[in-house]
PDB file of all heavy atoms in Angstrom:
ATOM      1  N   PHE A   1     106.928  66.608  70.131  1.00  0.00           N
ATOM      2  CA  PHE A   1     105.775  66.316  70.983  1.00  0.00           C
ATOM      3  C   PHE A   1     105.166  64.947  70.674  1.00  0.00           C
ATOM      4  O   PHE A   1     104.336  64.446  71.438  1.00  0.00           O
ATOM      5  CB  PHE A   1     104.716  67.414  70.823  1.00  0.00           C
ATOM      6  CG  PHE A   1     104.045  67.448  69.492  1.00  0.00           C
ATOM      7  CD1 PHE A   1     102.833  66.814  69.305  1.00  0.00           C
ATOM      8  CD2 PHE A   1     104.631  68.109  68.417  1.00  0.00           C
ATOM      9  CE1 PHE A   1     102.214  66.850  68.072  1.00  0.00           C
ATOM     10  CE2 PHE A   1     104.014  68.160  67.190  1.00  0.00           C
ATOM     11  CZ  PHE A   1     102.801  67.513  67.015  1.00  0.00           C
ATOM     12  N   LEU A   2     105.554  64.338  69.552  1.00  0.00           N
ATOM     13  CA  LEU A   2     105.050  63.010  69.205  1.00  0.00           C
ATOM     14  C   LEU A   2     105.919  61.909  69.786  1.00  0.00           C
ATOM     15  O   LEU A   2     105.420  60.930  70.344  1.00  0.00           O
ATOM     16  CB  LEU A   2     105.006  62.845  67.679  1.00  0.00           C
ATOM     17  CG  LEU A   2     104.015  63.723  66.916  1.00  0.00           C
ATOM     18  CD1 LEU A   2     104.233  63.577  65.423  1.00  0.00           C
ATOM     19  CD2 LEU A   2     102.587  63.356  67.281  1.00  0.00           C
ATOM     20  N   ASN A   3     107.229  62.075  69.659  1.00  0.00           N
ATOM     21  CA  ASN A   3     108.140  61.009  70.080  1.00  0.00           C
ATOM     22  C   ASN A   3     109.563  61.536  70.060  1.00  0.00           C
ATOM     23  O   ASN A   3     109.907  62.409  69.261  1.00  0.00           O
ATOM     24  CB  ASN A   3     108.024  59.811  69.126  1.00  0.00           C
ATOM     25  CG  ASN A   3     108.760  58.596  69.640  1.00  0.00           C
ATOM     26  OD1 ASN A   3     108.982  58.466  70.838  1.00  0.00           O
ATOM     27  ND2 ASN A   3     109.148  57.697  68.754  1.00  0.00           N
ATOM     28  N   THR A   4     110.370  61.025  70.966  1.00  0.00           N
ATOM     29  CA  THR A   4     111.809  61.265  70.922  1.00  0.00           C
ATOM     30  C   THR A   4     112.458  60.031  70.302  1.00  0.00           C
ATOM     31  O   THR A   4     112.207  58.919  70.758  1.00  0.00           O
ATOM     32  CB  THR A   4     112.380  61.481  72.336  1.00  0.00           C
ATOM     33  OG1 THR A   4     111.765  62.632  72.908  1.00  0.00           O
ATOM     34  CG2 THR A   4     113.887  61.696  72.280  1.00  0.00           C
ATOM     35  N   PRO A   5     113.251  60.178  69.247  1.00  0.00           N
ATOM     36  CA  PRO A   5     113.854  58.994  68.619  1.00  0.00           C
ATOM     37  C   PRO A   5     114.656  58.183  69.638  1.00  0.00           C
ATOM     38  O   PRO A   5     115.323  58.744  70.510  1.00  0.00           O
ATOM     39  CB  PRO A   5     114.777  59.593  67.549  1.00  0.00           C
ATOM     40  CG  PRO A   5     114.287  60.969  67.325  1.00  0.00           C
ATOM     41  CD  PRO A   5     113.699  61.434  68.619  1.00  0.00           C
ATOM     42  N   ALA A   6     114.569  56.880  69.544  1.00  0.00           N
ATOM     43  CA  ALA A   6     115.375  56.020  70.414  1.00  0.00           C
ATOM     44  C   ALA A   6     116.854  56.227  70.106  1.00  0.00           C
ATOM     45  O   ALA A   6     117.231  56.589  68.983  1.00  0.00           O
ATOM     46  CB  ALA A   6     114.983  54.558  70.213  1.00  0.00           C
ATOM     47  N   TYR A   7     117.696  56.007  71.108  1.00  0.00           N
ATOM     48  CA  TYR A   7     119.139  56.206  70.932  1.00  0.00           C
ATOM     49  C   TYR A   7     119.650  55.274  69.831  1.00  0.00           C
ATOM     50  O   TYR A   7     119.374  54.072  69.831  1.00  0.00           O
ATOM     51  CB  TYR A   7     119.868  55.916  72.242  1.00  0.00           C
ATOM     52  CG  TYR A   7     121.341  56.227  72.176  1.00  0.00           C
ATOM     53  CD1 TYR A   7     121.796  57.534  72.246  1.00  0.00           C
ATOM     54  CD2 TYR A   7     122.282  55.207  72.035  1.00  0.00           C
ATOM     55  CE1 TYR A   7     123.145  57.835  72.173  1.00  0.00           C
ATOM     56  CE2 TYR A   7     123.640  55.494  71.962  1.00  0.00           C
ATOM     57  CZ  TYR A   7     124.061  56.805  72.032  1.00  0.00           C
ATOM     58  OH  TYR A   7     125.399  57.096  71.954  1.00  0.00           O
ATOM     59  N   GLY A   8     120.364  55.834  68.881  1.00  0.00           N
ATOM     60  CA  GLY A   8     120.914  55.046  67.784  1.00  0.00           C
ATOM     61  C   GLY A   8     119.972  54.880  66.614  1.00  0.00           C
ATOM     62  O   GLY A   8     120.343  54.285  65.604  1.00  0.00           O
ATOM     63  N   SER A   9     118.730  55.411  66.727  1.00  0.00           N
ATOM     64  CA  SER A   9     117.801  55.324  65.593  1.00  0.00           C
ATOM     65  C   SER A   9     117.913  56.585  64.743  1.00  0.00           C
ATOM     66  O   SER A   9     118.830  57.381  64.930  1.00  0.00           O
ATOM     67  CB  SER A   9     116.370  55.110  66.104  1.00  0.00           C
ATOM     68  OG  SER A   9     115.940  56.232  66.838  1.00  0.00           O
ATOM     69  N   HIS A  10     116.972  56.778  63.852  1.00  0.00           N
ATOM     70  CA  HIS A  10     117.056  57.899  62.899  1.00  0.00           C
ATOM     71  C   HIS A  10     116.247  59.088  63.399  1.00  0.00           C
ATOM     72  O   HIS A  10     115.100  58.941  63.822  1.00  0.00           O
ATOM     73  CB  HIS A  10     116.541  57.457  61.532  1.00  0.00           C
ATOM     74  CG  HIS A  10     116.601  58.535  60.489  1.00  0.00           C
ATOM     75  ND1 HIS A  10     117.789  58.941  59.915  1.00  0.00           N
ATOM     76  CD2 HIS A  10     115.619  59.301  59.932  1.00  0.00           C
ATOM     77  CE1 HIS A  10     117.540  59.906  59.040  1.00  0.00           C
ATOM     78  NE2 HIS A  10     116.238  60.143  59.030  1.00  0.00           N
ATOM     79  N   ASP A  11     116.837  60.251  63.345  1.00  0.00           N
ATOM     80  CA  ASP A  11     116.170  61.507  63.699  1.00  0.00           C
ATOM     81  C   ASP A  11     115.627  62.133  62.409  1.00  0.00           C
ATOM     82  O   ASP A  11     116.403  62.470  61.512  1.00  0.00           O
ATOM     83  CB  ASP A  11     117.172  62.440  64.379  1.00  0.00           C
ATOM     84  CG  ASP A  11     116.606  63.821  64.650  1.00  0.00           C
ATOM     85  OD1 ASP A  11     115.385  64.001  64.505  1.00  0.00           O
ATOM     86  OD2 ASP A  11     117.395  64.715  65.026  1.00  0.00           O
ATOM     87  N   PRO A  12     114.299  62.309  62.293  1.00  0.00           N
ATOM     88  CA  PRO A  12     113.729  62.810  61.026  1.00  0.00           C
ATOM     89  C   PRO A  12     113.763  64.327  60.880  1.00  0.00           C
ATOM     90  O   PRO A  12     113.175  64.854  59.937  1.00  0.00           O
ATOM     91  CB  PRO A  12     112.277  62.317  61.101  1.00  0.00           C
ATOM     92  CG  PRO A  12     111.964  62.350  62.560  1.00  0.00           C
ATOM     93  CD  PRO A  12     113.251  61.966  63.269  1.00  0.00           C
ATOM     94  N   THR A  13     114.451  65.028  61.774  1.00  0.00           N
ATOM     95  CA  THR A  13     114.382  66.492  61.772  1.00  0.00           C
ATOM     96  C   THR A  13     114.807  67.091  60.438  1.00  0.00           C
ATOM     97  O   THR A  13     114.121  67.972  59.891  1.00  0.00           O
ATOM     98  CB  THR A  13     115.256  67.073  62.895  1.00  0.00           C
ATOM     99  OG1 THR A  13     114.796  66.583  64.157  1.00  0.00           O
ATOM    100  CG2 THR A  13     115.196  68.590  62.896  1.00  0.00           C
ATOM    101  N   VAL A  14     115.946  66.660  59.898  1.00  0.00           N
ATOM    102  CA  VAL A  14     116.447  67.266  58.658  1.00  0.00           C
ATOM    103  C   VAL A  14     115.475  67.005  57.509  1.00  0.00           C
ATOM    104  O   VAL A  14     115.211  67.914  56.694  1.00  0.00           O
ATOM    105  CB  VAL A  14     117.860  66.731  58.323  1.00  0.00           C
ATOM    106  CG1 VAL A  14     118.288  67.190  56.939  1.00  0.00           C
ATOM    107  CG2 VAL A  14     118.865  67.209  59.365  1.00  0.00           C
ATOM    108  N   MET A  15     114.934  65.798  57.439  1.00  0.00           N
ATOM    109  CA  MET A  15     113.953  65.496  56.394  1.00  0.00           C
ATOM    110  C   MET A  15     112.741  66.412  56.518  1.00  0.00           C
ATOM    111  O   MET A  15     112.246  66.960  55.524  1.00  0.00           O
ATOM    112  CB  MET A  15     113.514  64.033  56.491  1.00  0.00           C
ATOM    113  CG  MET A  15     112.514  63.613  55.428  1.00  0.00           C
ATOM    114  SD  MET A  15     113.204  63.543  53.756  1.00  0.00           S
ATOM    115  CE  MET A  15     114.054  61.964  53.823  1.00  0.00           C
ATOM    116  N   ILE A  16     112.266  66.610  57.756  1.00  0.00           N
ATOM    117  CA  ILE A  16     111.122  67.501  57.973  1.00  0.00           C
ATOM    118  C   ILE A  16     111.491  68.937  57.629  1.00  0.00           C
ATOM    119  O   ILE A  16     110.714  69.670  57.009  1.00  0.00           O
ATOM    120  CB  ILE A  16     110.631  67.386  59.433  1.00  0.00           C
ATOM    121  CG1 ILE A  16     109.995  66.018  59.667  1.00  0.00           C
ATOM    122  CG2 ILE A  16     109.626  68.486  59.759  1.00  0.00           C
ATOM    123  CD1 ILE A  16     109.597  65.747  61.108  1.00  0.00           C
ATOM    124  N   ALA A  17     112.699  69.351  58.032  1.00  0.00           N
ATOM    125  CA  ALA A  17     113.126  70.731  57.786  1.00  0.00           C
ATOM    126  C   ALA A  17     113.222  71.031  56.291  1.00  0.00           C
ATOM    127  O   ALA A  17     112.940  72.152  55.860  1.00  0.00           O
ATOM    128  CB  ALA A  17     114.477  70.989  58.458  1.00  0.00           C
ATOM    129  N   ILE A  18     113.620  70.045  55.507  1.00  0.00           N
ATOM    130  CA  ILE A  18     113.743  70.262  54.057  1.00  0.00           C
ATOM    131  C   ILE A  18     112.378  70.222  53.384  1.00  0.00           C
ATOM    132  O   ILE A  18     112.027  71.113  52.600  1.00  0.00           O
ATOM    133  CB  ILE A  18     114.672  69.200  53.434  1.00  0.00           C
ATOM    134  CG1 ILE A  18     116.117  69.398  53.925  1.00  0.00           C
ATOM    135  CG2 ILE A  18     114.619  69.278  51.907  1.00  0.00           C
ATOM    136  CD1 ILE A  18     117.049  68.290  53.498  1.00  0.00           C
ATOM    137  N   PHE A  19     111.590  69.206  53.717  1.00  0.00           N
ATOM    138  CA  PHE A  19     110.402  68.940  52.911  1.00  0.00           C
ATOM    139  C   PHE A  19     109.123  69.578  53.441  1.00  0.00           C
ATOM    140  O   PHE A  19     108.222  69.863  52.649  1.00  0.00           O
ATOM    141  CB  PHE A  19     110.201  67.431  52.754  1.00  0.00           C
ATOM    142  CG  PHE A  19     111.174  66.810  51.792  1.00  0.00           C
ATOM    143  CD1 PHE A  19     112.312  66.174  52.244  1.00  0.00           C
ATOM    144  CD2 PHE A  19     110.952  66.886  50.423  1.00  0.00           C
ATOM    145  CE1 PHE A  19     113.215  65.617  51.356  1.00  0.00           C
ATOM    146  CE2 PHE A  19     111.848  66.331  49.527  1.00  0.00           C
ATOM    147  CZ  PHE A  19     112.991  65.699  49.989  1.00  0.00           C
ATOM    148  N   PHE A  20     108.990  69.803  54.755  1.00  0.00           N
ATOM    149  CA  PHE A  20     107.734  70.386  55.226  1.00  0.00           C
ATOM    150  C   PHE A  20     107.483  71.770  54.634  1.00  0.00           C
ATOM    151  O   PHE A  20     106.422  72.021  54.062  1.00  0.00           O
ATOM    152  CB  PHE A  20     107.677  70.428  56.753  1.00  0.00           C
ATOM    153  CG  PHE A  20     106.525  71.244  57.266  1.00  0.00           C
ATOM    154  CD1 PHE A  20     105.221  70.827  57.055  1.00  0.00           C
ATOM    155  CD2 PHE A  20     106.740  72.442  57.932  1.00  0.00           C
ATOM    156  CE1 PHE A  20     104.145  71.588  57.499  1.00  0.00           C
ATOM    157  CE2 PHE A  20     105.686  73.207  58.383  1.00  0.00           C
ATOM    158  CZ  PHE A  20     104.385  72.782  58.164  1.00  0.00           C
ATOM    159  N   PRO A  21     108.419  72.724  54.747  1.00  0.00           N
ATOM    160  CA  PRO A  21     108.142  74.035  54.130  1.00  0.00           C
ATOM    161  C   PRO A  21     108.031  73.962  52.618  1.00  0.00           C
ATOM    162  O   PRO A  21     107.260  74.711  52.009  1.00  0.00           O
ATOM    163  CB  PRO A  21     109.318  74.906  54.585  1.00  0.00           C
ATOM    164  CG  PRO A  21     110.386  73.966  54.993  1.00  0.00           C
ATOM    165  CD  PRO A  21     109.703  72.725  55.470  1.00  0.00           C
ATOM    166  N   LEU A  22     108.799  73.041  51.988  1.00  0.00           N
ATOM    167  CA  LEU A  22     108.698  72.874  50.540  1.00  0.00           C
ATOM    168  C   LEU A  22     107.301  72.384  50.163  1.00  0.00           C
ATOM    169  O   LEU A  22     106.652  72.931  49.252  1.00  0.00           O
ATOM    170  CB  LEU A  22     109.751  71.888  50.048  1.00  0.00           C
ATOM    171  CG  LEU A  22     109.642  71.438  48.581  1.00  0.00           C
ATOM    172  CD1 LEU A  22     109.754  72.624  47.639  1.00  0.00           C
ATOM    173  CD2 LEU A  22     110.697  70.384  48.260  1.00  0.00           C
ATOM    174  N   PHE A  23     106.810  71.347  50.870  1.00  0.00           N
ATOM    175  CA  PHE A  23     105.469  70.834  50.593  1.00  0.00           C
ATOM    176  C   PHE A  23     104.411  71.910  50.852  1.00  0.00           C
ATOM    177  O   PHE A  23     103.446  72.041  50.095  1.00  0.00           O
ATOM    178  CB  PHE A  23     105.175  69.610  51.463  1.00  0.00           C
ATOM    179  CG  PHE A  23     105.934  68.367  51.054  1.00  0.00           C
ATOM    180  CD1 PHE A  23     105.926  67.232  51.857  1.00  0.00           C
ATOM    181  CD2 PHE A  23     106.656  68.323  49.878  1.00  0.00           C
ATOM    182  CE1 PHE A  23     106.614  66.086  51.489  1.00  0.00           C
ATOM    183  CE2 PHE A  23     107.350  67.178  49.497  1.00  0.00           C
ATOM    184  CZ  PHE A  23     107.326  66.059  50.310  1.00  0.00           C
ATOM    185  N   PHE A  24     104.576  72.654  51.932  1.00  0.00           N
ATOM    186  CA  PHE A  24     103.634  73.732  52.231  1.00  0.00           C
ATOM    187  C   PHE A  24     103.613  74.740  51.084  1.00  0.00           C
ATOM    188  O   PHE A  24     102.542  75.191  50.661  1.00  0.00           O
ATOM    189  CB  PHE A  24     104.032  74.421  53.539  1.00  0.00           C
ATOM    190  CG  PHE A  24     103.185  75.611  53.880  1.00  0.00           C
ATOM    191  CD1 PHE A  24     101.957  75.459  54.502  1.00  0.00           C
ATOM    192  CD2 PHE A  24     103.611  76.901  53.582  1.00  0.00           C
ATOM    193  CE1 PHE A  24     101.156  76.557  54.812  1.00  0.00           C
ATOM    194  CE2 PHE A  24     102.827  78.009  53.888  1.00  0.00           C
ATOM    195  CZ  PHE A  24     101.604  77.831  54.501  1.00  0.00           C
ATOM    196  N   GLY A  25     104.780  75.091  50.581  1.00  0.00           N
ATOM    197  CA  GLY A  25     104.849  76.035  49.471  1.00  0.00           C
ATOM    198  C   GLY A  25     104.181  75.503  48.228  1.00  0.00           C
ATOM    199  O   GLY A  25     103.472  76.238  47.524  1.00  0.00           O
ATOM    200  N   ILE A  26     104.380  74.208  47.926  1.00  0.00           N
ATOM    201  CA  ILE A  26     103.746  73.598  46.750  1.00  0.00           C
ATOM    202  C   ILE A  26     102.225  73.639  46.889  1.00  0.00           C
ATOM    203  O   ILE A  26     101.506  73.918  45.922  1.00  0.00           O
ATOM    204  CB  ILE A  26     104.236  72.148  46.567  1.00  0.00           C
ATOM    205  CG1 ILE A  26     105.724  72.142  46.177  1.00  0.00           C
ATOM    206  CG2 ILE A  26     103.405  71.423  45.519  1.00  0.00           C
ATOM    207  CD1 ILE A  26     106.348  70.765  46.175  1.00  0.00           C
ATOM    208  N   VAL A  27     101.726  73.351  48.099  1.00  0.00           N
ATOM    209  CA  VAL A  27     100.283  73.330  48.324  1.00  0.00           C
ATOM    210  C   VAL A  27      99.701  74.741  48.261  1.00  0.00           C
ATOM    211  O   VAL A  27      98.716  74.991  47.566  1.00  0.00           O
ATOM    212  CB  VAL A  27      99.960  72.680  49.684  1.00  0.00           C
ATOM    213  CG1 VAL A  27      98.488  72.868  50.029  1.00  0.00           C
ATOM    214  CG2 VAL A  27     100.299  71.201  49.658  1.00  0.00           C
ATOM    215  N   VAL A  28     100.296  75.686  48.994  1.00  0.00           N
ATOM    216  CA  VAL A  28      99.746  77.039  49.070  1.00  0.00           C
ATOM    217  C   VAL A  28      99.996  77.785  47.768  1.00  0.00           C
ATOM    218  O   VAL A  28      99.066  78.307  47.145  1.00  0.00           O
ATOM    219  CB  VAL A  28     100.344  77.804  50.267  1.00  0.00           C
ATOM    220  CG1 VAL A  28      99.921  79.272  50.237  1.00  0.00           C
ATOM    221  CG2 VAL A  28      99.918  77.153  51.567  1.00  0.00           C
ATOM    222  N   GLY A  29     101.256  77.904  47.358  1.00  0.00           N
ATOM    223  CA  GLY A  29     101.600  78.519  46.076  1.00  0.00           C
ATOM    224  C   GLY A  29     100.944  79.861  45.834  1.00  0.00           C
ATOM    225  O   GLY A  29     100.396  80.099  44.755  1.00  0.00           O
ATOM    226  N   ASP A  30     100.990  80.748  46.811  1.00  0.00           N
ATOM    227  CA  ASP A  30     100.321  82.038  46.674  1.00  0.00           C
ATOM    228  C   ASP A  30     101.180  83.113  47.336  1.00  0.00           C
ATOM    229  O   ASP A  30     101.509  83.007  48.524  1.00  0.00           O
ATOM    230  CB  ASP A  30      98.936  81.981  47.323  1.00  0.00           C
ATOM    231  CG  ASP A  30      98.097  83.208  47.000  1.00  0.00           C
ATOM    232  OD1 ASP A  30      98.417  84.297  47.497  1.00  0.00           O
ATOM    233  OD2 ASP A  30      97.108  83.054  46.250  1.00  0.00           O
ATOM    234  N   ILE A  31     101.527  84.138  46.569  1.00  0.00           N
ATOM    235  CA  ILE A  31     102.394  85.192  47.094  1.00  0.00           C
ATOM    236  C   ILE A  31     101.723  85.924  48.252  1.00  0.00           C
ATOM    237  O   ILE A  31     102.353  86.204  49.277  1.00  0.00           O
ATOM    238  CB  ILE A  31     102.755  86.196  45.978  1.00  0.00           C
ATOM    239  CG1 ILE A  31     103.515  85.493  44.849  1.00  0.00           C
ATOM    240  CG2 ILE A  31     103.583  87.347  46.530  1.00  0.00           C
ATOM    241  CD1 ILE A  31     103.698  86.352  43.610  1.00  0.00           C
ATOM    242  N   GLY A  32     100.450  86.242  48.108  1.00  0.00           N
ATOM    243  CA  GLY A  32      99.741  86.986  49.145  1.00  0.00           C
ATOM    244  C   GLY A  32      99.682  86.229  50.455  1.00  0.00           C
ATOM    245  O   GLY A  32      99.969  86.781  51.527  1.00  0.00           O
ATOM    246  N   ILE A  33      99.311  84.939  50.397  1.00  0.00           N
ATOM    247  CA  ILE A  33      99.243  84.135  51.616  1.00  0.00           C
ATOM    248  C   ILE A  33     100.640  83.968  52.201  1.00  0.00           C
ATOM    249  O   ILE A  33     100.832  83.990  53.427  1.00  0.00           O
ATOM    250  CB  ILE A  33      98.595  82.769  51.324  1.00  0.00           C
ATOM    251  CG1 ILE A  33      97.152  82.969  50.852  1.00  0.00           C
ATOM    252  CG2 ILE A  33      98.633  81.875  52.555  1.00  0.00           C
ATOM    253  CD1 ILE A  33      96.443  81.704  50.443  1.00  0.00           C
ATOM    254  N   GLY A  34     101.647  83.813  51.335  1.00  0.00           N
ATOM    255  CA  GLY A  34     103.023  83.728  51.811  1.00  0.00           C
ATOM    256  C   GLY A  34     103.430  84.976  52.576  1.00  0.00           C
ATOM    257  O   GLY A  34     104.088  84.900  53.623  1.00  0.00           O
ATOM    258  N   LEU A  35     103.027  86.144  52.070  1.00  0.00           N
ATOM    259  CA  LEU A  35     103.353  87.397  52.762  1.00  0.00           C
ATOM    260  C   LEU A  35     102.644  87.476  54.116  1.00  0.00           C
ATOM    261  O   LEU A  35     103.208  87.991  55.093  1.00  0.00           O
ATOM    262  CB  LEU A  35     102.964  88.591  51.890  1.00  0.00           C
ATOM    263  CG  LEU A  35     103.826  88.793  50.641  1.00  0.00           C
ATOM    264  CD1 LEU A  35     103.259  89.912  49.779  1.00  0.00           C
ATOM    265  CD2 LEU A  35     105.280  89.102  51.027  1.00  0.00           C
ATOM    266  N   LEU A  36     101.410  86.964  54.206  1.00  0.00           N
ATOM    267  CA  LEU A  36     100.709  86.940  55.489  1.00  0.00           C
ATOM    268  C   LEU A  36     101.451  86.058  56.493  1.00  0.00           C
ATOM    269  O   LEU A  36     101.600  86.420  57.672  1.00  0.00           O
ATOM    270  CB  LEU A  36      99.276  86.436  55.307  1.00  0.00           C
ATOM    271  CG  LEU A  36      98.316  87.350  54.544  1.00  0.00           C
ATOM    272  CD1 LEU A  36      96.945  86.703  54.437  1.00  0.00           C
ATOM    273  CD2 LEU A  36      98.194  88.702  55.240  1.00  0.00           C
TER     274      LEU A  36
END
């Protein structure tokens, strides 16, 4: 919804897929909230 990468440029999807949930887990770090 922000931007479609230009043809031949870099698609950040894999970087986001690896690090966004990891960063979220580092920030939240709570079993109960994770279960919710």
